[in-house]
PDB file of N, CA and C in Angstrom:
ATOM      1  N   MET A   1     112.063  91.711  35.324  1.00  0.00           N
ATOM      2  CA  MET A   1     110.940  90.688  34.653  1.00  0.00           C
ATOM      3  C   MET A   1     111.100  89.426  35.120  1.00  0.00           C
ATOM      4  N   SER A   2     110.176  88.529  35.519  1.00  0.00           N
ATOM      5  CA  SER A   2     110.063  87.076  35.929  1.00  0.00           C
ATOM      6  C   SER A   2     109.681  86.381  34.762  1.00  0.00           C
ATOM      7  N   GLU A   3     110.694  85.339  34.734  1.00  0.00           N
ATOM      8  CA  GLU A   3     110.307  84.417  33.705  1.00  0.00           C
ATOM      9  C   GLU A   3     109.971  82.913  34.431  1.00  0.00           C
ATOM     10  N   GLU A   4     108.996  82.493  34.019  1.00  0.00           N
ATOM     11  CA  GLU A   4     108.521  81.089  34.456  1.00  0.00           C
ATOM     12  C   GLU A   4     109.301  79.889  33.698  1.00  0.00           C
ATOM     13  N   ARG A   5     109.862  78.977  34.292  1.00  0.00           N
ATOM     14  CA  ARG A   5     110.571  78.066  33.700  1.00  0.00           C
ATOM     15  C   ARG A   5     109.665  76.936  33.151  1.00  0.00           C
ATOM     16  N   ILE A   6     109.704  76.678  31.935  1.00  0.00           N
ATOM     17  CA  ILE A   6     108.851  75.510  31.089  1.00  0.00           C
ATOM     18  C   ILE A   6     109.830  74.290  31.415  1.00  0.00           C
ATOM     19  N   TRP A   7     109.269  73.196  32.151  1.00  0.00           N
ATOM     20  CA  TRP A   7     109.659  71.820  31.887  1.00  0.00           C
ATOM     21  C   TRP A   7     109.145  70.869  30.964  1.00  0.00           C
ATOM     22  N   LYS A   8     110.025  70.137  30.155  1.00  0.00           N
ATOM     23  CA  LYS A   8     109.747  69.224  29.376  1.00  0.00           C
ATOM     24  C   LYS A   8     109.936  67.731  30.083  1.00  0.00           C
ATOM     25  N   CYS A   9     109.391  66.693  29.503  1.00  0.00           N
ATOM     26  CA  CYS A   9     109.750  65.276  29.945  1.00  0.00           C
ATOM     27  C   CYS A   9     110.834  64.964  29.300  1.00  0.00           C
ATOM     28  N   ALA A  10     111.837  64.406  29.975  1.00  0.00           N
ATOM     29  CA  ALA A  10     113.139  63.732  29.289  1.00  0.00           C
ATOM     30  C   ALA A  10     112.641  62.824  28.288  1.00  0.00           C
ATOM     31  N   LYS A  11     111.597  62.019  28.791  1.00  0.00           N
ATOM     32  CA  LYS A  11     111.465  60.765  28.125  1.00  0.00           C
ATOM     33  C   LYS A  11     110.628  61.122  26.765  1.00  0.00           C
ATOM     34  N   CYS A  12     109.470  62.139  26.887  1.00  0.00           N
ATOM     35  CA  CYS A  12     108.673  62.264  25.836  1.00  0.00           C
ATOM     36  C   CYS A  12     109.089  63.489  25.264  1.00  0.00           C
ATOM     37  N   GLY A  13     109.582  64.515  25.652  1.00  0.00           N
ATOM     38  CA  GLY A  13     109.701  65.614  25.062  1.00  0.00           C
ATOM     39  C   GLY A  13     108.460  66.620  25.180  1.00  0.00           C
ATOM     40  N   VAL A  14     107.542  66.022  26.078  1.00  0.00           N
ATOM     41  CA  VAL A  14     106.282  66.919  26.107  1.00  0.00           C
ATOM     42  C   VAL A  14     106.355  67.826  27.504  1.00  0.00           C
ATOM     43  N   GLU A  15     105.741  68.991  27.252  1.00  0.00           N
ATOM     44  CA  GLU A  15     105.716  69.914  28.234  1.00  0.00           C
ATOM     45  C   GLU A  15     104.841  69.618  29.453  1.00  0.00           C
ATOM     46  N   LEU A  16     105.259  69.497  30.477  1.00  0.00           N
ATOM     47  CA  LEU A  16     104.711  69.002  31.861  1.00  0.00           C
ATOM     48  C   LEU A  16     103.597  70.019  32.209  1.00  0.00           C
ATOM     49  N   ARG A  17     102.457  69.273  32.702  1.00  0.00           N
ATOM     50  CA  ARG A  17     101.334  70.112  32.990  1.00  0.00           C
ATOM     51  C   ARG A  17     101.246  69.808  34.720  1.00  0.00           C
ATOM     52  N   THR A  18     100.821  70.854  35.534  1.00  0.00           N
ATOM     53  CA  THR A  18     100.598  70.764  36.850  1.00  0.00           C
ATOM     54  C   THR A  18      99.316  69.882  37.076  1.00  0.00           C
ATOM     55  N   ARG A  19      99.586  68.943  37.998  1.00  0.00           N
ATOM     56  CA  ARG A  19      98.258  68.017  38.231  1.00  0.00           C
ATOM     57  C   ARG A  19      98.398  67.735  39.625  1.00  0.00           C
ATOM     58  N   LYS A  20      97.082  67.624  40.366  1.00  0.00           N
ATOM     59  CA  LYS A  20      97.185  66.955  41.800  1.00  0.00           C
ATOM     60  C   LYS A  20      97.811  65.607  41.874  1.00  0.00           C
ATOM     61  N   THR A  21      98.612  65.319  42.684  1.00  0.00           N
ATOM     62  CA  THR A  21      99.352  63.990  42.778  1.00  0.00           C
ATOM     63  C   THR A  21      99.418  63.303  44.361  1.00  0.00           C
ATOM     64  N   ILE A  22      99.047  62.139  44.402  1.00  0.00           N
ATOM     65  CA  ILE A  22      98.824  61.334  45.524  1.00  0.00           C
ATOM     66  C   ILE A  22     100.220  60.706  45.968  1.00  0.00           C
ATOM     67  N   PHE A  23     100.716  61.271  47.074  1.00  0.00           N
ATOM     68  CA  PHE A  23     101.960  60.565  47.798  1.00  0.00           C
ATOM     69  C   PHE A  23     101.654  59.594  48.837  1.00  0.00           C
ATOM     70  N   ASN A  24     102.360  58.578  49.000  1.00  0.00           N
ATOM     71  CA  ASN A  24     102.218  57.559  50.002  1.00  0.00           C
ATOM     72  C   ASN A  24     103.385  57.632  50.719  1.00  0.00           C
ATOM     73  N   TYR A  25     103.625  57.624  52.044  1.00  0.00           N
ATOM     74  CA  TYR A  25     104.620  57.551  53.010  1.00  0.00           C
ATOM     75  C   TYR A  25     104.175  57.182  54.348  1.00  0.00           C
ATOM     76  N   MET A  26     104.681  55.994  54.680  1.00  0.00           N
ATOM     77  CA  MET A  26     104.647  55.579  56.052  1.00  0.00           C
ATOM     78  C   MET A  26     103.023  55.360  56.221  1.00  0.00           C
ATOM     79  N   GLU A  27     102.462  54.615  55.438  1.00  0.00           N
ATOM     80  CA  GLU A  27     100.961  54.418  55.143  1.00  0.00           C
ATOM     81  C   GLU A  27     100.082  55.612  55.295  1.00  0.00           C
ATOM     82  N   ARG A  28     100.680  56.675  55.106  1.00  0.00           N
ATOM     83  CA  ARG A  28      99.762  57.977  55.088  1.00  0.00           C
ATOM     84  C   ARG A  28     100.015  58.477  53.662  1.00  0.00           C
ATOM     85  N   THR A  29      98.637  59.120  53.259  1.00  0.00           N
ATOM     86  CA  THR A  29      98.371  59.838  51.968  1.00  0.00           C
ATOM     87  C   THR A  29      98.524  61.077  52.177  1.00  0.00           C
ATOM     88  N   VAL A  30      99.291  61.954  51.116  1.00  0.00           N
ATOM     89  CA  VAL A  30      99.396  63.348  50.956  1.00  0.00           C
ATOM     90  C   VAL A  30      99.289  63.626  49.640  1.00  0.00           C
ATOM     91  N   SER A  31      98.736  64.877  49.172  1.00  0.00           N
ATOM     92  CA  SER A  31      98.403  65.152  48.005  1.00  0.00           C
ATOM     93  C   SER A  31      99.116  66.600  47.917  1.00  0.00           C
ATOM     94  N   HIS A  32      99.455  66.706  46.489  1.00  0.00           N
ATOM     95  CA  HIS A  32     100.131  68.165  46.342  1.00  0.00           C
ATOM     96  C   HIS A  32     100.023  68.352  44.790  1.00  0.00           C
ATOM     97  N   ASP A  33     100.187  69.513  44.255  1.00  0.00           N
ATOM     98  CA  ASP A  33     100.139  69.865  42.592  1.00  0.00           C
ATOM     99  C   ASP A  33     101.480  69.955  42.274  1.00  0.00           C
ATOM    100  N   VAL A  34     101.748  68.995  41.430  1.00  0.00           N
ATOM    101  CA  VAL A  34     103.249  68.856  40.785  1.00  0.00           C
ATOM    102  C   VAL A  34     103.351  68.866  39.461  1.00  0.00           C
ATOM    103  N   PRO A  35     104.482  69.194  38.692  1.00  0.00           N
ATOM    104  CA  PRO A  35     104.410  68.816  37.349  1.00  0.00           C
ATOM    105  C   PRO A  35     104.494  67.567  37.113  1.00  0.00           C
ATOM    106  N   VAL A  36     103.575  66.900  35.859  1.00  0.00           N
ATOM    107  CA  VAL A  36     103.562  65.670  35.392  1.00  0.00           C
ATOM    108  C   VAL A  36     103.367  65.406  34.134  1.00  0.00           C
ATOM    109  N   CYS A  37     103.951  64.668  33.417  1.00  0.00           N
ATOM    110  CA  CYS A  37     104.210  64.438  31.816  1.00  0.00           C
ATOM    111  C   CYS A  37     102.480  63.884  31.472  1.00  0.00           C
ATOM    112  N   PRO A  38     101.883  64.544  30.617  1.00  0.00           N
ATOM    113  CA  PRO A  38     100.889  64.234  30.366  1.00  0.00           C
ATOM    114  C   PRO A  38     100.766  62.881  29.715  1.00  0.00           C
ATOM    115  N   LYS A  39     101.764  62.540  28.844  1.00  0.00           N
ATOM    116  CA  LYS A  39     102.029  61.337  28.059  1.00  0.00           C
ATOM    117  C   LYS A  39     102.213  60.206  28.896  1.00  0.00           C
ATOM    118  N   CYS A  40     103.318  60.138  29.516  1.00  0.00           N
ATOM    119  CA  CYS A  40     103.668  58.960  30.183  1.00  0.00           C
ATOM    120  C   CYS A  40     103.527  58.870  31.778  1.00  0.00           C
ATOM    121  N   GLY A  41     102.918  60.149  32.293  1.00  0.00           N
ATOM    122  CA  GLY A  41     102.779  60.294  33.778  1.00  0.00           C
ATOM    123  C   GLY A  41     103.738  60.393  34.800  1.00  0.00           C
ATOM    124  N   LYS A  42     105.059  60.471  34.392  1.00  0.00           N
ATOM    125  CA  LYS A  42     106.318  60.665  35.252  1.00  0.00           C
ATOM    126  C   LYS A  42     105.993  61.862  35.899  1.00  0.00           C
ATOM    127  N   VAL A  43     106.448  61.999  37.169  1.00  0.00           N
ATOM    128  CA  VAL A  43     106.322  63.157  37.981  1.00  0.00           C
ATOM    129  C   VAL A  43     107.541  64.089  38.358  1.00  0.00           C
ATOM    130  N   PHE A  44     107.487  65.349  38.292  1.00  0.00           N
ATOM    131  CA  PHE A  44     108.763  66.069  38.374  1.00  0.00           C
ATOM    132  C   PHE A  44     108.753  66.650  39.966  1.00  0.00           C
ATOM    133  N   ILE A  45     109.626  66.266  40.916  1.00  0.00           N
ATOM    134  CA  ILE A  45     109.842  66.773  41.915  1.00  0.00           C
ATOM    135  C   ILE A  45     110.994  67.992  41.932  1.00  0.00           C
ATOM    136  N   SER A  46     110.491  68.934  42.210  1.00  0.00           N
ATOM    137  CA  SER A  46     111.832  70.057  42.300  1.00  0.00           C
ATOM    138  C   SER A  46     112.621  69.769  43.531  1.00  0.00           C
ATOM    139  N   ARG A  47     113.770  70.339  43.424  1.00  0.00           N
ATOM    140  CA  ARG A  47     114.664  70.297  44.552  1.00  0.00           C
ATOM    141  C   ARG A  47     114.021  70.832  45.920  1.00  0.00           C
ATOM    142  N   ALA A  48     113.557  72.347  45.518  1.00  0.00           N
ATOM    143  CA  ALA A  48     112.870  73.015  46.503  1.00  0.00           C
ATOM    144  C   ALA A  48     111.604  72.447  47.370  1.00  0.00           C
ATOM    145  N   LEU A  49     110.935  71.768  46.490  1.00  0.00           N
ATOM    146  CA  LEU A  49     109.703  70.874  47.232  1.00  0.00           C
ATOM    147  C   LEU A  49     110.451  69.770  48.052  1.00  0.00           C
ATOM    148  N   ALA A  50     111.378  68.997  47.416  1.00  0.00           N
ATOM    149  CA  ALA A  50     111.856  67.874  48.160  1.00  0.00           C
ATOM    150  C   ALA A  50     112.559  68.024  49.638  1.00  0.00           C
ATOM    151  N   GLU A  51     113.428  69.231  49.471  1.00  0.00           N
ATOM    152  CA  GLU A  51     113.903  69.743  50.590  1.00  0.00           C
ATOM    153  C   GLU A  51     113.186  70.451  51.472  1.00  0.00           C
ATOM    154  N   GLY A  52     112.274  71.071  50.920  1.00  0.00           N
ATOM    155  CA  GLY A  52     111.362  72.005  51.839  1.00  0.00           C
ATOM    156  C   GLY A  52     110.160  71.251  52.493  1.00  0.00           C
ATOM    157  N   ARG A  53     109.031  71.468  51.780  1.00  0.00           N
ATOM    158  CA  ARG A  53     107.720  70.872  52.208  1.00  0.00           C
ATOM    159  C   ARG A  53     107.573  69.350  52.267  1.00  0.00           C
ATOM    160  N   MET A  54     108.331  68.616  51.435  1.00  0.00           N
ATOM    161  CA  MET A  54     108.300  67.318  51.638  1.00  0.00           C
ATOM    162  C   MET A  54     108.987  66.789  52.963  1.00  0.00           C
ATOM    163  N   ALA A  55     110.280  67.346  52.945  1.00  0.00           N
ATOM    164  CA  ALA A  55     111.171  66.889  54.016  1.00  0.00           C
ATOM    165  C   ALA A  55     110.388  67.351  55.238  1.00  0.00           C
ATOM    166  N   GLU A  56     109.729  68.324  55.369  1.00  0.00           N
ATOM    167  CA  GLU A  56     108.751  68.427  56.651  1.00  0.00           C
ATOM    168  C   GLU A  56     107.764  67.759  57.126  1.00  0.00           C
ATOM    169  N   VAL A  57     107.009  67.305  55.793  1.00  0.00           N
ATOM    170  CA  VAL A  57     105.763  66.346  56.348  1.00  0.00           C
ATOM    171  C   VAL A  57     106.312  64.953  56.638  1.00  0.00           C
ATOM    172  N   GLU A  58     107.558  64.693  55.934  1.00  0.00           N
ATOM    173  CA  GLU A  58     108.287  63.396  56.291  1.00  0.00           C
ATOM    174  C   GLU A  58     108.606  63.361  57.727  1.00  0.00           C
ATOM    175  N   GLU A  59     109.202  64.440  58.295  1.00  0.00           N
ATOM    176  CA  GLU A  59     109.762  64.284  59.480  1.00  0.00           C
ATOM    177  C   GLU A  59     108.569  64.507  60.406  1.00  0.00           C
ATOM    178  N   GLN A  60     107.610  65.093  60.000  1.00  0.00           N
ATOM    179  CA  GLN A  60     106.361  65.154  61.041  1.00  0.00           C
ATOM    180  C   GLN A  60     105.626  63.643  61.192  1.00  0.00           C
ATOM    181  N   LEU A  61     105.702  62.859  59.972  1.00  0.00           N
ATOM    182  CA  LEU A  61     105.132  61.771  60.096  1.00  0.00           C
ATOM    183  C   LEU A  61     106.100  60.585  60.931  1.00  0.00           C
ATOM    184  N   GLU A  62     107.149  60.842  60.892  1.00  0.00           N
ATOM    185  CA  GLU A  62     108.157  59.922  61.587  1.00  0.00           C
ATOM    186  C   GLU A  62     108.186  60.391  63.140  1.00  0.00           C
ATOM    187  N   ASP A  63     107.688  61.563  63.430  1.00  0.00           N
ATOM    188  CA  ASP A  63     107.983  61.767  64.752  1.00  0.00           C
ATOM    189  C   ASP A  63     106.572  61.370  65.530  1.00  0.00           C
ATOM    190  N   LYS A  64     105.681  60.871  64.564  1.00  0.00           N
ATOM    191  CA  LYS A  64     104.290  60.292  65.293  1.00  0.00           C
ATOM    192  C   LYS A  64     104.347  59.009  65.485  1.00  0.00           C
TER     193      LYS A  64
END
């Protein structure tokens, strides 16, 4: 049985909601669906995302 983890904002205690978020890096804009606090707007970046897809995009942009 697979359980999906429910994340809550450490500041607000509110359950995070997935939302398309814009990221800027080296004058480029990339969007991705990530968990965000609906109250304060803080974004949660998982370790898997940071070390996976975000690292790949960063490397591609730096190589250009």
